[in-house]
Amino acid sequence: MSDPWNEGPKAAAARRGRSIAIALGLVAFVVLVFVVTIVKLGANVIAAHPA
């Protein structure tokens, strides 16, 4: 039976690449939600207080 903690350098590099891709995707999603929230709040503030 193979030991999951004793992997080769290729497998470790592949796992690291997948982890980085997941982290970047999560950060992009958080930034997208933040930007959409700010845009929606800004539109409501402008609509509530017309110049």
C-alpha atoms as a PDB file:
ATOM      1  CA  MET A   1       0.000   0.000   0.000  1.00  0.00           C
ATOM      2  CA  SER A   2       1.360   3.431  -0.848  1.00  0.00           C
ATOM      3  CA  ASP A   3       1.968   6.056   1.812  1.00  0.00           C
ATOM      4  CA  PRO A   4       0.119   9.311   0.970  1.00  0.00           C
ATOM      5  CA  TRP A   5       2.702  11.392   2.872  1.00  0.00           C
ATOM      6  CA  ASN A   6       5.623   9.917   0.930  1.00  0.00           C
ATOM      7  CA  GLU A   7       4.835  11.235  -2.539  1.00  0.00           C
ATOM      8  CA  GLY A   8       7.216  12.069  -5.294  1.00  0.00           C
ATOM      9  CA  PRO A   9       8.215  15.579  -6.310  1.00  0.00           C
ATOM     10  CA  LYS A  10       5.908  15.506  -9.361  1.00  0.00           C
ATOM     11  CA  ALA A  11       2.864  14.682  -7.247  1.00  0.00           C
ATOM     12  CA  ALA A  12       3.789  17.331  -4.662  1.00  0.00           C
ATOM     13  CA  ALA A  13       4.182  19.963  -7.396  1.00  0.00           C
ATOM     14  CA  ALA A  14       0.841  18.991  -8.927  1.00  0.00           C
ATOM     15  CA  ARG A  15      -0.888  19.216  -5.540  1.00  0.00           C
ATOM     16  CA  ARG A  16       0.696  22.604  -4.888  1.00  0.00           C
ATOM     17  CA  GLY A  17      -0.465  23.848  -8.292  1.00  0.00           C
ATOM     18  CA  ARG A  18      -4.026  22.718  -7.607  1.00  0.00           C
ATOM     19  CA  SER A  19      -3.968  24.374  -4.186  1.00  0.00           C
ATOM     20  CA  ILE A  20      -2.776  27.653  -5.672  1.00  0.00           C
ATOM     21  CA  ALA A  21      -5.467  27.508  -8.374  1.00  0.00           C
ATOM     22  CA  ILE A  22      -8.194  26.917  -5.771  1.00  0.00           C
ATOM     23  CA  ALA A  23      -6.865  29.775  -3.620  1.00  0.00           C
ATOM     24  CA  LEU A  24      -6.816  32.175  -6.588  1.00  0.00           C
ATOM     25  CA  GLY A  25     -10.349  31.155  -7.552  1.00  0.00           C
ATOM     26  CA  LEU A  26     -11.556  31.784  -4.009  1.00  0.00           C
ATOM     27  CA  VAL A  27      -9.881  35.198  -3.879  1.00  0.00           C
ATOM     28  CA  ALA A  28     -11.415  36.129  -7.246  1.00  0.00           C
ATOM     29  CA  PHE A  29     -14.871  35.118  -5.985  1.00  0.00           C
ATOM     30  CA  VAL A  30     -14.490  37.183  -2.798  1.00  0.00           C
ATOM     31  CA  VAL A  31     -13.353  40.228  -4.798  1.00  0.00           C
ATOM     32  CA  LEU A  32     -16.293  39.799  -7.195  1.00  0.00           C
ATOM     33  CA  VAL A  33     -18.798  39.641  -4.319  1.00  0.00           C
ATOM     34  CA  PHE A  34     -17.184  42.699  -2.711  1.00  0.00           C
ATOM     35  CA  VAL A  35     -17.304  44.743  -5.932  1.00  0.00           C
ATOM     36  CA  VAL A  36     -20.926  43.796  -6.646  1.00  0.00           C
ATOM     37  CA  THR A  37     -21.895  44.721  -3.076  1.00  0.00           C
ATOM     38  CA  ILE A  38     -20.169  48.109  -3.282  1.00  0.00           C
ATOM     39  CA  VAL A  39     -21.778  48.864  -6.659  1.00  0.00           C
ATOM     40  CA  LYS A  40     -25.248  47.951  -5.374  1.00  0.00           C
ATOM     41  CA  LEU A  41     -24.805  49.982  -2.174  1.00  0.00           C
ATOM     42  CA  GLY A  42     -23.493  52.942  -4.157  1.00  0.00           C
ATOM     43  CA  ALA A  43     -26.516  52.826  -6.477  1.00  0.00           C
ATOM     44  CA  ASN A  44     -28.870  52.778  -3.471  1.00  0.00           C
ATOM     45  CA  VAL A  45     -27.106  55.737  -1.839  1.00  0.00           C
ATOM     46  CA  ILE A  46     -27.355  57.793  -5.039  1.00  0.00           C
ATOM     47  CA  ALA A  47     -31.029  56.881  -5.474  1.00  0.00           C
ATOM     48  CA  ALA A  48     -31.884  57.719  -1.845  1.00  0.00           C
ATOM     49  CA  HIS A  49     -30.169  61.120  -1.941  1.00  0.00           C
ATOM     50  CA  PRO A  50     -30.735  62.772  -5.312  1.00  0.00           C
ATOM     51  CA  ALA A  51     -28.676  65.886  -5.885  1.00  0.00           C
END
